[in-house]
Amino acid sequence: MPFNHIAVNNIYMRNQMIKRKRIVWWHCLLSCLLFFLFLPSIVFSYDSSPSDFKKLISALEQQSSLYGWTDVKPKTISWEYYRTTKNKNPLIFTTFGNSTGNCVLFFGGVHGDELPTVYLMFKLAHYVKDNPALFKDKCIVIAPLLNPDGFLAASPTRVNASGIDLNRNFPTKDWQAKAIRQWIAKGKIKRYFPGEKSASEQETLFQMALIKRFKPQKILSVHSPLNFFDYDGPSSDLNSFEQWMEQICKETNHPLKKFGYFPGSLGNYAGHERNIFTLTLELPSSDPKRGGEYFQKFQPSILKFINLPVVGSPPNVKIINNEK
């Protein structure tokens, strides 16, 4: 009898231990799930002012001062961000107006050494913020600096911190067959390296996420220093849009050029494959001190791009009224 009593007691104790382990395991699992569930609001909330965001804003203010951008105040804009770069720089964007449809998306600083493109987008954000009545019925999304690692490098670079050209990294249909092959054929120039695989970079995924979230009808990406407008987009209303572009080119004395599609480029991904009106503004130079001059020159055409009345969903999009 004592032997049986001990055996039963041992079994009971072992079962209790197993139950306790299970309870502890489930508590750990639940804690982990709750942590990851609320992680975005903890880490990425603008209100919480995390250190990475503060460091970025501080660095941007220092760079603005260095380049003489005295009218750019990044900390006065309400930014959102959900991704960070290899160097822990948040990828920021801001929204204005009505964010439910007919959106226009602006990109700057895709290449970190194209300095005035960043100024133009920050300046545009200030202008839209300061004139809410002009844009209350619009949906405007501005991502002013897509490559903060390259922009904030000691010597600004076209590529990001991983050495990848972000405008060759989109997962276009021709990427697998052509991207690396063309890069090799053109001499393996490091400035144009598309990456080992498409959509490998947080900066690329960030742009894709904005396109997916806001479903823009129009995208304007600012580059330098090739000095022209380049249009990529749907063929459903191509003639009307080209007529509008010709008028804009006359007004700004800035030529229109068919630059073509590259594997992994935004124009290919958004304009060619997704039939979004995608316009590239190539500034005349990459001199940061000419940012104010360029904003003054191109502000009217940027505002006309915002107001260009486009209707429909890709691929059936068109201009409502091509006013000259």
Protein backbone atom coordinates (compact mmCIF):
# COMPACT_ATOMS: atom_id res chain seq x y z
CA MET A 1 0.00 0.00 0.00
CA PRO A 2 2.73 2.59 0.83
CA PHE A 3 4.40 1.82 -2.47
CA ASN A 4 1.16 2.39 -4.40
CA HIS A 5 0.50 5.57 -2.48
CA ILE A 6 3.91 6.94 -3.41
CA ALA A 7 3.46 6.00 -7.07
CA VAL A 8 0.08 7.68 -7.23
CA ASN A 9 1.48 10.74 -5.54
CA ASN A 10 4.37 10.87 -8.03
CA ILE A 11 1.97 10.66 -10.94
CA TYR A 12 -0.14 13.42 -9.44
CA MET A 13 2.89 15.65 -8.91
CA ARG A 14 4.12 15.00 -12.46
CA ASN A 15 0.72 15.89 -13.91
CA GLN A 16 0.63 19.08 -11.90
CA MET A 17 4.08 20.02 -13.15
CA ILE A 18 3.01 19.38 -16.73
CA LYS A 19 -0.05 21.59 -16.22
CA ARG A 20 2.08 24.38 -14.75
CA LYS A 21 4.50 24.16 -17.67
CA ARG A 22 1.60 24.36 -20.10
CA ILE A 23 0.19 27.41 -18.30
CA VAL A 24 3.60 29.11 -18.35
CA TRP A 25 4.02 28.24 -22.05
CA TRP A 26 0.60 29.67 -22.94
CA HIS A 27 1.29 32.81 -20.92
CA CYS A 28 4.59 33.30 -22.79
CA LEU A 29 2.88 32.73 -26.13
CA LEU A 30 0.08 35.18 -25.30
CA SER A 31 2.60 37.78 -24.11
CA CYS A 32 4.56 37.46 -27.34
CA LEU A 33 1.42 37.78 -29.43
CA LEU A 34 0.32 40.88 -27.54
CA PHE A 35 3.80 42.39 -27.86
CA PHE A 36 3.90 41.96 -31.63
CA LEU A 37 0.27 43.00 -31.97
CA PHE A 38 0.92 46.36 -30.34
CA LEU A 39 4.50 46.79 -31.54
CA PRO A 40 3.63 49.13 -34.46
CA SER A 41 1.79 51.58 -32.22
CA ILE A 42 4.62 51.52 -29.67
CA VAL A 43 7.59 51.78 -32.01
CA PHE A 44 6.19 53.71 -34.93
CA SER A 45 3.75 56.15 -33.36
CA TYR A 46 4.51 59.78 -34.19
CA ASP A 47 3.29 60.83 -30.74
CA SER A 48 5.78 58.59 -28.93
CA SER A 49 8.71 60.43 -30.60
CA PRO A 50 11.13 57.46 -30.73
CA SER A 51 14.82 58.16 -30.82
CA ASP A 52 15.34 57.10 -34.43
CA PHE A 53 12.74 59.58 -35.64
CA LYS A 54 14.22 62.38 -33.53
CA LYS A 55 17.68 61.63 -34.88
CA LEU A 56 16.41 61.73 -38.45
CA ILE A 57 14.65 65.08 -38.00
CA SER A 58 17.73 66.52 -36.31
CA ALA A 59 19.96 65.28 -39.13
CA LEU A 60 17.59 66.72 -41.75
CA GLU A 61 17.60 70.10 -40.03
CA GLN A 62 21.40 70.08 -39.97
CA GLN A 63 21.56 69.21 -43.67
CA SER A 64 19.00 71.89 -44.49
CA SER A 65 21.13 74.46 -42.68
CA LEU A 66 24.25 73.22 -44.48
CA TYR A 67 22.59 73.62 -47.89
CA GLY A 68 21.04 76.99 -47.08
CA TRP A 69 17.47 75.66 -46.99
CA THR A 70 16.38 78.14 -44.34
CA ASP A 71 12.70 77.85 -45.31
CA VAL A 72 12.57 74.09 -44.75
CA LYS A 73 11.52 73.01 -41.24
CA PRO A 74 11.01 69.23 -41.19
CA LYS A 75 9.87 69.12 -37.57
CA THR A 76 6.82 71.31 -38.33
CA ILE A 77 5.27 68.65 -40.59
CA SER A 78 3.25 65.74 -39.16
CA TRP A 79 4.97 62.62 -40.46
CA GLU A 80 3.96 58.99 -40.56
CA TYR A 81 6.43 56.14 -40.84
CA TYR A 82 6.28 52.35 -40.59
CA ARG A 83 9.60 51.20 -42.01
CA THR A 84 13.23 51.97 -41.29
CA THR A 85 16.32 51.68 -43.47
CA LYS A 86 19.49 49.68 -42.92
CA ASN A 87 20.94 52.67 -41.04
CA LYS A 88 17.84 52.93 -38.83
CA ASN A 89 16.42 55.99 -40.57
CA PRO A 90 12.60 56.05 -40.64
CA LEU A 91 11.02 56.35 -44.08
CA ILE A 92 8.64 59.26 -43.69
CA PHE A 93 5.58 60.48 -45.54
CA THR A 94 2.76 62.94 -44.93
CA THR A 95 -0.80 63.20 -46.20
CA PHE A 96 -3.02 66.20 -46.87
CA GLY A 97 -6.63 66.78 -47.81
CA ASN A 98 -9.09 64.00 -48.38
CA SER A 99 -7.27 60.67 -48.28
CA THR A 100 -10.12 58.65 -49.81
CA GLY A 101 -9.55 58.48 -53.54
CA ASN A 102 -8.11 60.37 -56.51
CA CYS A 103 -4.73 60.52 -54.79
CA VAL A 104 -1.56 62.03 -56.17
CA LEU A 105 1.69 60.66 -54.82
CA PHE A 106 5.00 62.58 -54.71
CA PHE A 107 8.45 61.02 -54.34
CA GLY A 108 11.76 62.80 -53.72
CA GLY A 109 15.26 61.77 -52.78
CA VAL A 110 15.15 58.36 -54.49
CA HIS A 111 18.83 58.85 -55.17
CA GLY A 112 20.62 60.33 -52.19
CA ASP A 113 22.97 62.53 -54.22
CA GLU A 114 20.13 64.28 -56.08
CA LEU A 115 19.95 66.91 -53.37
CA PRO A 116 17.50 69.56 -54.64
CA THR A 117 14.82 66.91 -55.18
CA VAL A 118 14.58 66.60 -51.40
CA TYR A 119 14.22 70.35 -51.00
CA LEU A 120 11.41 70.49 -53.57
CA MET A 121 9.38 67.85 -51.77
CA PHE A 122 9.85 69.37 -48.31
CA LYS A 123 8.98 72.77 -49.73
CA LEU A 124 5.87 71.31 -51.39
CA ALA A 125 4.81 69.79 -48.06
CA HIS A 126 5.14 73.21 -46.42
CA TYR A 127 3.17 74.90 -49.20
CA VAL A 128 0.30 72.40 -49.06
CA LYS A 129 0.25 72.57 -45.25
CA ASP A 130 0.14 76.38 -45.29
CA ASN A 131 -2.67 76.53 -47.86
CA PRO A 132 -5.21 73.91 -46.73
CA ALA A 133 -8.14 75.59 -48.45
CA LEU A 134 -6.53 74.99 -51.86
CA PHE A 135 -6.23 71.25 -51.29
CA LYS A 136 -9.09 70.28 -48.97
CA ASP A 137 -10.80 68.25 -51.71
CA LYS A 138 -7.56 66.63 -52.87
CA CYS A 139 -5.64 63.59 -51.70
CA ILE A 140 -1.94 64.44 -51.57
CA VAL A 141 0.76 62.12 -50.26
CA ILE A 142 4.37 63.30 -50.09
CA ALA A 143 7.37 61.07 -49.36
CA PRO A 144 10.20 63.63 -49.56
CA LEU A 145 13.19 61.40 -48.88
CA LEU A 146 13.12 57.81 -50.05
CA ASN A 147 16.84 57.26 -49.58
CA PRO A 148 17.83 58.89 -46.27
CA ASP A 149 20.90 56.66 -45.90
CA GLY A 150 22.33 57.92 -49.19
CA PHE A 151 21.29 61.51 -48.56
CA LEU A 152 22.78 61.66 -45.06
CA ALA A 153 26.04 59.89 -45.94
CA ALA A 154 29.26 61.88 -45.44
CA SER A 155 29.42 62.07 -49.22
CA PRO A 156 25.84 61.66 -50.51
CA THR A 157 25.38 58.59 -52.71
CA ARG A 158 22.94 57.56 -55.42
CA VAL A 159 22.56 54.10 -53.88
CA ASN A 160 21.28 53.18 -50.44
CA ALA A 161 23.34 51.81 -47.54
CA SER A 162 23.32 48.36 -49.15
CA GLY A 163 24.75 49.75 -52.39
CA ILE A 164 21.52 49.29 -54.36
CA ASP A 165 19.92 51.67 -56.86
CA LEU A 166 16.36 51.95 -55.59
CA ASN A 167 15.09 52.86 -59.06
CA ARG A 168 16.22 49.47 -60.36
CA ASN A 169 14.86 47.34 -57.50
CA PHE A 170 11.09 47.25 -58.14
CA PRO A 171 9.71 43.75 -58.92
CA THR A 172 8.79 44.49 -62.54
CA LYS A 173 7.87 41.64 -64.84
CA ASP A 174 11.17 41.94 -66.72
CA TRP A 175 13.39 42.18 -63.63
CA GLN A 176 14.34 38.53 -63.36
CA ALA A 177 15.26 38.23 -67.03
CA LYS A 178 16.89 41.61 -67.61
CA ALA A 179 17.92 43.58 -64.51
CA ILE A 180 21.22 41.95 -63.58
CA ARG A 181 22.00 40.95 -67.16
CA GLN A 182 21.71 44.54 -68.36
CA TRP A 183 23.73 45.80 -65.39
CA ILE A 184 26.54 43.40 -66.25
CA ALA A 185 26.38 44.25 -69.96
CA LYS A 186 26.76 47.97 -69.16
CA GLY A 187 29.94 47.40 -67.16
CA LYS A 188 28.73 46.60 -63.63
CA ILE A 189 28.60 50.27 -62.66
CA LYS A 190 28.00 50.28 -58.91
CA ARG A 191 25.70 53.31 -59.06
CA TYR A 192 23.13 51.26 -60.97
CA PHE A 193 23.30 47.93 -59.14
CA PRO A 194 19.71 46.56 -59.00
CA GLY A 195 20.33 44.17 -56.12
CA GLU A 196 20.58 40.39 -55.99
CA LYS A 197 16.80 40.13 -56.09
CA SER A 198 13.91 42.50 -56.73
CA ALA A 199 12.08 44.27 -53.88
CA SER A 200 14.93 43.40 -51.54
CA GLU A 201 15.10 46.86 -49.98
CA GLN A 202 12.92 48.47 -47.33
CA GLU A 203 12.90 51.67 -49.39
CA THR A 204 11.42 49.78 -52.34
CA LEU A 205 8.83 48.03 -50.18
CA PHE A 206 7.94 51.41 -48.70
CA GLN A 207 7.11 52.86 -52.11
CA MET A 208 5.14 49.76 -53.07
CA ALA A 209 3.18 49.99 -49.80
CA LEU A 210 2.26 53.62 -50.44
CA ILE A 211 1.06 52.75 -53.94
CA LYS A 212 -0.99 49.85 -52.60
CA ARG A 213 -2.47 51.85 -49.71
CA PHE A 214 -3.37 55.07 -51.51
CA LYS A 215 -4.01 53.69 -55.01
CA PRO A 216 -2.83 56.92 -56.65
CA GLN A 217 -4.10 57.98 -60.05
CA LYS A 218 -0.99 60.13 -60.52
CA ILE A 219 2.62 59.90 -59.34
CA LEU A 220 5.31 62.56 -59.65
CA SER A 221 8.87 61.52 -58.89
CA VAL A 222 11.58 64.19 -58.82
CA HIS A 223 15.14 63.40 -59.97
CA SER A 224 18.21 65.28 -61.21
CA PRO A 225 20.21 66.33 -63.21
CA LEU A 226 19.03 65.19 -66.66
CA ASN A 227 16.87 68.28 -67.28
CA PHE A 228 13.61 67.03 -68.78
CA PHE A 229 10.12 65.69 -68.11
CA ASP A 230 9.63 61.97 -68.69
CA TYR A 231 6.16 60.45 -68.85
CA ASP A 232 5.35 56.81 -68.11
CA GLY A 233 1.79 55.71 -67.90
CA PRO A 234 -1.36 54.31 -69.45
CA SER A 235 -2.03 54.30 -73.15
CA SER A 236 -5.80 54.58 -72.68
CA ASP A 237 -5.65 58.38 -72.82
CA LEU A 238 -2.09 58.85 -74.02
CA ASN A 239 -2.79 61.55 -76.60
CA SER A 240 -4.63 63.83 -74.16
CA PHE A 241 -1.95 63.46 -71.52
CA GLU A 242 0.86 64.12 -73.99
CA GLN A 243 -0.95 67.24 -75.18
CA TRP A 244 -1.19 68.41 -71.57
CA MET A 245 2.51 67.64 -71.05
CA GLU A 246 3.48 69.59 -74.17
CA GLN A 247 1.69 72.64 -72.79
CA ILE A 248 3.41 72.27 -69.41
CA CYS A 249 6.78 71.96 -71.13
CA LYS A 250 6.17 75.19 -73.03
CA GLU A 251 5.17 77.03 -69.87
CA THR A 252 8.23 75.87 -67.93
CA ASN A 253 10.65 75.87 -70.87
CA HIS A 254 11.54 72.32 -69.85
CA PRO A 255 11.72 69.62 -72.53
CA LEU A 256 9.73 66.39 -72.70
CA LYS A 257 11.79 63.29 -73.43
CA LYS A 258 10.90 59.63 -73.81
CA PHE A 259 13.50 58.05 -71.58
CA GLY A 260 12.13 54.50 -71.79
CA TYR A 261 11.64 51.80 -69.18
CA PHE A 262 14.32 50.15 -67.09
CA PRO A 263 13.89 46.81 -65.34
CA GLY A 264 13.01 47.59 -61.74
CA SER A 265 12.23 51.30 -62.23
CA LEU A 266 9.23 53.14 -60.78
CA GLY A 267 8.13 54.20 -64.26
CA ASN A 268 8.06 50.58 -65.33
CA TYR A 269 6.39 49.29 -62.16
CA ALA A 270 3.76 52.01 -61.67
CA GLY A 271 3.33 53.58 -65.10
CA HIS A 272 3.93 50.79 -67.59
CA GLU A 273 2.62 47.80 -65.64
CA ARG A 274 -0.07 49.41 -63.44
CA ASN A 275 -1.25 52.16 -65.78
CA ILE A 276 -0.81 54.95 -63.26
CA PHE A 277 -0.03 58.40 -64.68
CA THR A 278 3.64 58.50 -63.68
CA LEU A 279 5.67 61.60 -64.40
CA THR A 280 9.37 62.11 -63.70
CA LEU A 281 10.66 65.63 -63.28
CA GLU A 282 14.41 65.69 -63.93
CA LEU A 283 15.87 68.93 -62.56
CA PRO A 284 18.67 70.71 -64.46
CA SER A 285 21.31 70.03 -61.80
CA SER A 286 21.96 68.40 -58.42
CA ASP A 287 23.19 71.63 -56.84
CA PRO A 288 21.38 71.92 -53.49
CA LYS A 289 21.69 75.69 -53.47
CA ARG A 290 19.45 75.92 -56.53
CA GLY A 291 16.54 74.24 -54.75
CA GLY A 292 14.66 77.52 -54.21
CA GLU A 293 15.11 78.49 -57.84
CA TYR A 294 13.78 75.13 -59.01
CA PHE A 295 10.76 75.22 -56.71
CA GLN A 296 9.81 78.66 -58.00
CA LYS A 297 10.23 77.46 -61.59
CA PHE A 298 8.26 74.23 -61.27
CA GLN A 299 5.70 75.04 -58.58
CA PRO A 300 3.03 76.11 -61.12
CA SER A 301 3.39 72.88 -63.10
CA ILE A 302 3.34 70.79 -59.90
CA LEU A 303 0.10 72.48 -58.84
CA LYS A 304 -1.37 71.85 -62.29
CA PHE A 305 -0.36 68.21 -61.98
CA ILE A 306 -2.24 68.00 -58.67
CA ASN A 307 -5.31 69.60 -60.26
CA LEU A 308 -5.17 67.59 -63.49
CA PRO A 309 -8.63 65.97 -63.54
CA VAL A 310 -8.17 62.25 -64.02
CA VAL A 311 -10.96 59.70 -63.62
CA GLY A 312 -11.29 55.95 -63.74
CA SER A 313 -9.29 53.06 -62.40
CA PRO A 314 -6.27 51.52 -64.13
CA PRO A 315 -6.10 50.58 -66.92
CA ASN A 316 -9.14 52.67 -67.90
CA VAL A 317 -8.03 56.11 -66.76
CA LYS A 318 -8.39 59.34 -68.67
CA ILE A 319 -8.31 63.11 -68.39
CA ILE A 320 -11.75 64.66 -67.94
CA ASN A 321 -11.04 68.01 -69.50
CA ASN A 322 -7.71 68.94 -71.03
CA GLU A 323 -7.73 72.63 -70.20
CA LYS A 324 -4.88 74.59 -71.73
